[in-house]
Amino acid sequence: EGFLDRMIALVEGAERQKTPNEIALTL
C-alpha cells in the first residue's frame, strides 16, 4: 500500500479508471 506501490500501479495503467470527461465522450 506504499507510495512506490501506488506509483508503480498507476504508471502501469493497472488502476487507471476512466475520467468523467472520458466517460462522457465514450457515451
PDB file of all heavy atoms in Angstrom:
ATOM      1  N   GLU A   1       0.814  -1.210   0.000  1.00  0.00           N
ATOM      2  CA  GLU A   1       0.000   0.000   0.000  1.00  0.00           C
ATOM      3  C   GLU A   1       0.852   1.266   0.000  1.00  0.00           C
ATOM      4  O   GLU A   1       0.322   2.369   0.120  1.00  0.00           O
ATOM      5  CB  GLU A   1      -0.911   0.018   1.236  1.00  0.00           C
ATOM      6  CG  GLU A   1      -1.886  -1.157   1.305  1.00  0.00           C
ATOM      7  CD  GLU A   1      -2.664  -1.163   2.611  1.00  0.00           C
ATOM      8  OE1 GLU A   1      -2.401  -0.286   3.462  1.00  0.00           O
ATOM      9  OE2 GLU A   1      -3.536  -2.036   2.776  1.00  0.00           O
ATOM     10  N   GLY A   2       2.149   1.105  -0.129  1.00  0.00           N
ATOM     11  CA  GLY A   2       3.045   2.241  -0.018  1.00  0.00           C
ATOM     12  C   GLY A   2       3.028   3.154  -1.228  1.00  0.00           C
ATOM     13  O   GLY A   2       2.405   2.889  -2.252  1.00  0.00           O
ATOM     14  N   PHE A   3       3.783   4.245  -1.086  1.00  0.00           N
ATOM     15  CA  PHE A   3       3.866   5.270  -2.124  1.00  0.00           C
ATOM     16  C   PHE A   3       4.378   4.698  -3.443  1.00  0.00           C
ATOM     17  O   PHE A   3       3.791   4.902  -4.499  1.00  0.00           O
ATOM     18  CB  PHE A   3       4.790   6.373  -1.612  1.00  0.00           C
ATOM     19  CG  PHE A   3       4.865   7.578  -2.489  1.00  0.00           C
ATOM     20  CD1 PHE A   3       3.820   8.464  -2.553  1.00  0.00           C
ATOM     21  CD2 PHE A   3       5.997   7.830  -3.250  1.00  0.00           C
ATOM     22  CE1 PHE A   3       3.898   9.584  -3.362  1.00  0.00           C
ATOM     23  CE2 PHE A   3       6.087   8.933  -4.051  1.00  0.00           C
ATOM     24  CZ  PHE A   3       5.031   9.823  -4.111  1.00  0.00           C
ATOM     25  N   LEU A   4       5.476   3.946  -3.367  1.00  0.00           N
ATOM     26  CA  LEU A   4       6.029   3.366  -4.589  1.00  0.00           C
ATOM     27  C   LEU A   4       5.096   2.321  -5.182  1.00  0.00           C
ATOM     28  O   LEU A   4       4.993   2.189  -6.405  1.00  0.00           O
ATOM     29  CB  LEU A   4       7.401   2.750  -4.316  1.00  0.00           C
ATOM     30  CG  LEU A   4       8.605   3.690  -4.387  1.00  0.00           C
ATOM     31  CD1 LEU A   4       9.879   2.924  -4.093  1.00  0.00           C
ATOM     32  CD2 LEU A   4       8.705   4.367  -5.728  1.00  0.00           C
ATOM     33  N   ASP A   5       4.402   1.569  -4.335  1.00  0.00           N
ATOM     34  CA  ASP A   5       3.456   0.569  -4.847  1.00  0.00           C
ATOM     35  C   ASP A   5       2.362   1.236  -5.671  1.00  0.00           C
ATOM     36  O   ASP A   5       2.002   0.771  -6.750  1.00  0.00           O
ATOM     37  CB  ASP A   5       2.826  -0.202  -3.679  1.00  0.00           C
ATOM     38  CG  ASP A   5       3.854  -1.015  -2.909  1.00  0.00           C
ATOM     39  OD1 ASP A   5       4.439  -1.923  -3.510  1.00  0.00           O
ATOM     40  OD2 ASP A   5       4.065  -0.739  -1.724  1.00  0.00           O
ATOM     41  N   ARG A   6       1.822   2.331  -5.116  1.00  0.00           N
ATOM     42  CA  ARG A   6       0.770   3.043  -5.847  1.00  0.00           C
ATOM     43  C   ARG A   6       1.322   3.655  -7.126  1.00  0.00           C
ATOM     44  O   ARG A   6       0.667   3.657  -8.170  1.00  0.00           O
ATOM     45  CB  ARG A   6       0.163   4.139  -4.964  1.00  0.00           C
ATOM     46  CG  ARG A   6      -0.597   3.617  -3.773  1.00  0.00           C
ATOM     47  CD  ARG A   6      -1.559   4.683  -3.254  1.00  0.00           C
ATOM     48  NE  ARG A   6      -0.886   5.944  -2.966  1.00  0.00           N
ATOM     49  CZ  ARG A   6      -0.355   6.253  -1.789  1.00  0.00           C
ATOM     50  NH1 ARG A   6      -0.401   5.381  -0.800  1.00  0.00           N
ATOM     51  NH2 ARG A   6       0.217   7.417  -1.614  1.00  0.00           N
ATOM     52  N   MET A   7       2.533   4.175  -7.050  1.00  0.00           N
ATOM     53  CA  MET A   7       3.139   4.800  -8.220  1.00  0.00           C
ATOM     54  C   MET A   7       3.349   3.776  -9.331  1.00  0.00           C
ATOM     55  O   MET A   7       3.050   4.035 -10.503  1.00  0.00           O
ATOM     56  CB  MET A   7       4.471   5.433  -7.824  1.00  0.00           C
ATOM     57  CG  MET A   7       5.091   6.313  -8.884  1.00  0.00           C
ATOM     58  SD  MET A   7       6.521   7.189  -8.208  1.00  0.00           S
ATOM     59  CE  MET A   7       7.011   8.141  -9.648  1.00  0.00           C
ATOM     60  N   ILE A   8       3.833   2.594  -8.962  1.00  0.00           N
ATOM     61  CA  ILE A   8       4.053   1.537  -9.958  1.00  0.00           C
ATOM     62  C   ILE A   8       2.741   1.129 -10.606  1.00  0.00           C
ATOM     63  O   ILE A   8       2.639   0.995 -11.826  1.00  0.00           O
ATOM     64  CB  ILE A   8       4.737   0.322  -9.296  1.00  0.00           C
ATOM     65  CG1 ILE A   8       6.184   0.673  -8.916  1.00  0.00           C
ATOM     66  CG2 ILE A   8       4.716  -0.890 -10.223  1.00  0.00           C
ATOM     67  CD1 ILE A   8       6.848  -0.352  -8.015  1.00  0.00           C
ATOM     68  N   ALA A   9       1.705   0.934  -9.784  1.00  0.00           N
ATOM     69  CA  ALA A   9       0.404   0.523 -10.322  1.00  0.00           C
ATOM     70  C   ALA A   9      -0.168   1.576 -11.260  1.00  0.00           C
ATOM     71  O   ALA A   9      -0.737   1.256 -12.308  1.00  0.00           O
ATOM     72  CB  ALA A   9      -0.567   0.251  -9.176  1.00  0.00           C
ATOM     73  N   LEU A  10       0.015   2.852 -10.903  1.00  0.00           N
ATOM     74  CA  LEU A  10      -0.555   3.911 -11.724  1.00  0.00           C
ATOM     75  C   LEU A  10       0.175   4.053 -13.052  1.00  0.00           C
ATOM     76  O   LEU A  10      -0.454   4.196 -14.102  1.00  0.00           O
ATOM     77  CB  LEU A  10      -0.515   5.238 -10.951  1.00  0.00           C
ATOM     78  CG  LEU A  10      -1.573   5.360  -9.852  1.00  0.00           C
ATOM     79  CD1 LEU A  10      -1.242   6.512  -8.914  1.00  0.00           C
ATOM     80  CD2 LEU A  10      -2.945   5.566 -10.462  1.00  0.00           C
ATOM     81  N   VAL A  11       1.506   4.017 -13.029  1.00  0.00           N
ATOM     82  CA  VAL A  11       2.222   4.186 -14.292  1.00  0.00           C
ATOM     83  C   VAL A  11       2.061   2.981 -15.202  1.00  0.00           C
ATOM     84  O   VAL A  11       2.194   3.080 -16.417  1.00  0.00           O
ATOM     85  CB  VAL A  11       3.723   4.491 -14.075  1.00  0.00           C
ATOM     86  CG1 VAL A  11       3.914   5.770 -13.320  1.00  0.00           C
ATOM     87  CG2 VAL A  11       4.418   3.348 -13.361  1.00  0.00           C
ATOM     88  N   GLU A  12       1.760   1.822 -14.622  1.00  0.00           N
ATOM     89  CA  GLU A  12       1.480   0.657 -15.453  1.00  0.00           C
ATOM     90  C   GLU A  12       0.084   0.708 -16.051  1.00  0.00           C
ATOM     91  O   GLU A  12      -0.245  -0.030 -16.965  1.00  0.00           O
ATOM     92  CB  GLU A  12       1.606  -0.620 -14.611  1.00  0.00           C
ATOM     93  CG  GLU A  12       3.035  -1.046 -14.358  1.00  0.00           C
ATOM     94  CD  GLU A  12       3.109  -2.354 -13.594  1.00  0.00           C
ATOM     95  OE1 GLU A  12       2.223  -2.600 -12.754  1.00  0.00           O
ATOM     96  OE2 GLU A  12       4.028  -3.135 -13.867  1.00  0.00           O
ATOM     97  N   GLY A  13      -0.749   1.597 -15.525  1.00  0.00           N
ATOM     98  CA  GLY A  13      -2.109   1.683 -16.037  1.00  0.00           C
ATOM     99  C   GLY A  13      -3.038   0.661 -15.425  1.00  0.00           C
ATOM    100  O   GLY A  13      -4.203   0.570 -15.804  1.00  0.00           O
ATOM    101  N   ALA A  14      -2.544  -0.119 -14.459  1.00  0.00           N
ATOM    102  CA  ALA A  14      -3.356  -1.194 -13.904  1.00  0.00           C
ATOM    103  C   ALA A  14      -4.558  -0.658 -13.141  1.00  0.00           C
ATOM    104  O   ALA A  14      -5.586  -1.320 -13.054  1.00  0.00           O
ATOM    105  CB  ALA A  14      -2.498  -2.061 -12.975  1.00  0.00           C
ATOM    106  N   GLU A  15      -4.439   0.538 -12.572  1.00  0.00           N
ATOM    107  CA  GLU A  15      -5.533   1.077 -11.787  1.00  0.00           C
ATOM    108  C   GLU A  15      -6.148   2.317 -12.444  1.00  0.00           C
ATOM    109  O   GLU A  15      -6.884   3.062 -11.808  1.00  0.00           O
ATOM    110  CB  GLU A  15      -5.037   1.433 -10.380  1.00  0.00           C
ATOM    111  CG  GLU A  15      -4.613   0.217  -9.569  1.00  0.00           C
ATOM    112  CD  GLU A  15      -4.210   0.593  -8.163  1.00  0.00           C
ATOM    113  OE1 GLU A  15      -4.326   1.784  -7.806  1.00  0.00           O
ATOM    114  OE2 GLU A  15      -3.796  -0.298  -7.417  1.00  0.00           O
ATOM    115  N   ARG A  16      -5.831   2.557 -13.702  1.00  0.00           N
ATOM    116  CA  ARG A  16      -6.371   3.750 -14.362  1.00  0.00           C
ATOM    117  C   ARG A  16      -7.849   3.577 -14.641  1.00  0.00           C
ATOM    118  O   ARG A  16      -8.257   2.664 -15.357  1.00  0.00           O
ATOM    119  CB  ARG A  16      -5.629   4.022 -15.677  1.00  0.00           C
ATOM    120  CG  ARG A  16      -5.829   5.443 -16.198  1.00  0.00           C
ATOM    121  CD  ARG A  16      -5.299   5.583 -17.601  1.00  0.00           C
ATOM    122  NE  ARG A  16      -6.199   5.009 -18.568  1.00  0.00           N
ATOM    123  CZ  ARG A  16      -7.215   5.656 -19.110  1.00  0.00           C
ATOM    124  NH1 ARG A  16      -7.478   6.895 -18.761  1.00  0.00           N
ATOM    125  NH2 ARG A  16      -7.996   5.078 -19.998  1.00  0.00           N
ATOM    126  N   GLN A  17      -8.652   4.466 -14.090  1.00  0.00           N
ATOM    127  CA  GLN A  17     -10.084   4.444 -14.327  1.00  0.00           C
ATOM    128  C   GLN A  17     -10.448   5.562 -15.284  1.00  0.00           C
ATOM    129  O   GLN A  17      -9.783   6.589 -15.353  1.00  0.00           O
ATOM    130  CB  GLN A  17     -10.851   4.601 -13.011  1.00  0.00           C
ATOM    131  CG  GLN A  17     -10.593   3.475 -12.017  1.00  0.00           C
ATOM    132  CD  GLN A  17     -11.339   3.693 -10.720  1.00  0.00           C
ATOM    133  OE1 GLN A  17     -11.803   4.792 -10.445  1.00  0.00           O
ATOM    134  NE2 GLN A  17     -11.453   2.642  -9.931  1.00  0.00           N
ATOM    135  N   LYS A  18     -11.533   5.360 -16.022  1.00  0.00           N
ATOM    136  CA  LYS A  18     -11.974   6.388 -16.954  1.00  0.00           C
ATOM    137  C   LYS A  18     -12.416   7.630 -16.189  1.00  0.00           C
ATOM    138  O   LYS A  18     -13.088   7.544 -15.171  1.00  0.00           O
ATOM    139  CB  LYS A  18     -13.119   5.865 -17.818  1.00  0.00           C
ATOM    140  CG  LYS A  18     -12.694   4.838 -18.863  1.00  0.00           C
ATOM    141  CD  LYS A  18     -13.843   4.486 -19.795  1.00  0.00           C
ATOM    142  CE  LYS A  18     -13.389   3.521 -20.888  1.00  0.00           C
ATOM    143  NZ  LYS A  18     -14.491   3.178 -21.818  1.00  0.00           N
ATOM    144  N   THR A  19     -12.026   8.782 -16.705  1.00  0.00           N
ATOM    145  CA  THR A  19     -12.402  10.043 -16.085  1.00  0.00           C
ATOM    146  C   THR A  19     -13.811  10.423 -16.533  1.00  0.00           C
ATOM    147  O   THR A  19     -14.324   9.896 -17.531  1.00  0.00           O
ATOM    148  CB  THR A  19     -11.421  11.144 -16.508  1.00  0.00           C
ATOM    149  OG1 THR A  19     -11.522  11.331 -17.927  1.00  0.00           O
ATOM    150  CG2 THR A  19      -9.998  10.765 -16.157  1.00  0.00           C
ATOM    151  N   PRO A  20     -14.476  11.353 -15.828  1.00  0.00           N
ATOM    152  CA  PRO A  20     -15.815  11.782 -16.249  1.00  0.00           C
ATOM    153  C   PRO A  20     -15.853  12.280 -17.689  1.00  0.00           C
ATOM    154  O   PRO A  20     -16.789  11.990 -18.432  1.00  0.00           O
ATOM    155  CB  PRO A  20     -16.139  12.900 -15.255  1.00  0.00           C
ATOM    156  CG  PRO A  20     -15.375  12.536 -14.028  1.00  0.00           C
ATOM    157  CD  PRO A  20     -14.092  11.925 -14.537  1.00  0.00           C
ATOM    158  N   ASN A  21     -14.826  13.033 -18.082  1.00  0.00           N
ATOM    159  CA  ASN A  21     -14.775  13.528 -19.454  1.00  0.00           C
ATOM    160  C   ASN A  21     -14.683  12.371 -20.442  1.00  0.00           C
ATOM    161  O   ASN A  21     -15.346  12.360 -21.489  1.00  0.00           O
ATOM    162  CB  ASN A  21     -13.565  14.470 -19.599  1.00  0.00           C
ATOM    163  CG  ASN A  21     -13.428  15.048 -20.988  1.00  0.00           C
ATOM    164  OD1 ASN A  21     -13.012  14.368 -21.920  1.00  0.00           O
ATOM    165  ND2 ASN A  21     -13.781  16.315 -21.119  1.00  0.00           N
ATOM    166  N   GLU A  22     -13.869  11.392 -20.113  1.00  0.00           N
ATOM    167  CA  GLU A  22     -13.691  10.235 -20.985  1.00  0.00           C
ATOM    168  C   GLU A  22     -14.964   9.396 -21.050  1.00  0.00           C
ATOM    169  O   GLU A  22     -15.345   8.894 -22.116  1.00  0.00           O
ATOM    170  CB  GLU A  22     -12.530   9.391 -20.458  1.00  0.00           C
ATOM    171  CG  GLU A  22     -11.995   8.356 -21.434  1.00  0.00           C
ATOM    172  CD  GLU A  22     -10.750   7.677 -20.927  1.00  0.00           C
ATOM    173  OE1 GLU A  22     -10.145   8.174 -19.962  1.00  0.00           O
ATOM    174  OE2 GLU A  22     -10.374   6.631 -21.496  1.00  0.00           O
ATOM    175  N   ILE A  23     -15.637   9.258 -19.920  1.00  0.00           N
ATOM    176  CA  ILE A  23     -16.898   8.511 -19.898  1.00  0.00           C
ATOM    177  C   ILE A  23     -17.949   9.214 -20.753  1.00  0.00           C
ATOM    178  O   ILE A  23     -18.678   8.578 -21.531  1.00  0.00           O
ATOM    179  CB  ILE A  23     -17.398   8.356 -18.448  1.00  0.00           C
ATOM    180  CG1 ILE A  23     -16.469   7.422 -17.668  1.00  0.00           C
ATOM    181  CG2 ILE A  23     -18.832   7.806 -18.415  1.00  0.00           C
ATOM    182  CD1 ILE A  23     -16.767   7.363 -16.183  1.00  0.00           C
ATOM    183  N   ALA A  24     -18.031  10.547 -20.614  1.00  0.00           N
ATOM    184  CA  ALA A  24     -18.999  11.311 -21.401  1.00  0.00           C
ATOM    185  C   ALA A  24     -18.722  11.168 -22.898  1.00  0.00           C
ATOM    186  O   ALA A  24     -19.649  10.997 -23.705  1.00  0.00           O
ATOM    187  CB  ALA A  24     -18.957  12.784 -20.991  1.00  0.00           C
ATOM    188  N   LEU A  25     -17.435  11.226 -23.269  1.00  0.00           N
ATOM    189  CA  LEU A  25     -17.088  11.089 -24.682  1.00  0.00           C
ATOM    190  C   LEU A  25     -17.387   9.681 -25.179  1.00  0.00           C
ATOM    191  O   LEU A  25     -17.853   9.493 -26.309  1.00  0.00           O
ATOM    192  CB  LEU A  25     -15.606  11.426 -24.879  1.00  0.00           C
ATOM    193  CG  LEU A  25     -15.095  11.441 -26.323  1.00  0.00           C
ATOM    194  CD1 LEU A  25     -15.942  12.350 -27.199  1.00  0.00           C
ATOM    195  CD2 LEU A  25     -13.638  11.884 -26.363  1.00  0.00           C
ATOM    196  N   THR A  26     -17.146   8.677 -24.337  1.00  0.00           N
ATOM    197  CA  THR A  26     -17.470   7.296 -24.714  1.00  0.00           C
ATOM    198  C   THR A  26     -18.965   7.140 -24.978  1.00  0.00           C
ATOM    199  O   THR A  26     -19.379   6.489 -25.948  1.00  0.00           O
ATOM    200  CB  THR A  26     -17.027   6.320 -23.613  1.00  0.00           C
ATOM    201  OG1 THR A  26     -15.614   6.429 -23.434  1.00  0.00           O
ATOM    202  CG2 THR A  26     -17.374   4.880 -23.983  1.00  0.00           C
ATOM    203  N   LEU A  27     -19.780   7.739 -24.115  1.00  0.00           N
ATOM    204  CA  LEU A  27     -21.232   7.689 -24.313  1.00  0.00           C
ATOM    205  C   LEU A  27     -21.633   8.371 -25.616  1.00  0.00           C
ATOM    206  O   LEU A  27     -22.528   7.900 -26.335  1.00  0.00           O
ATOM    207  CB  LEU A  27     -21.947   8.349 -23.131  1.00  0.00           C
ATOM    208  CG  LEU A  27     -21.857   7.604 -21.794  1.00  0.00           C
ATOM    209  CD1 LEU A  27     -22.504   8.423 -20.678  1.00  0.00           C
ATOM    210  CD2 LEU A  27     -22.521   6.239 -21.894  1.00  0.00           C
TER     211      LEU A  27
END
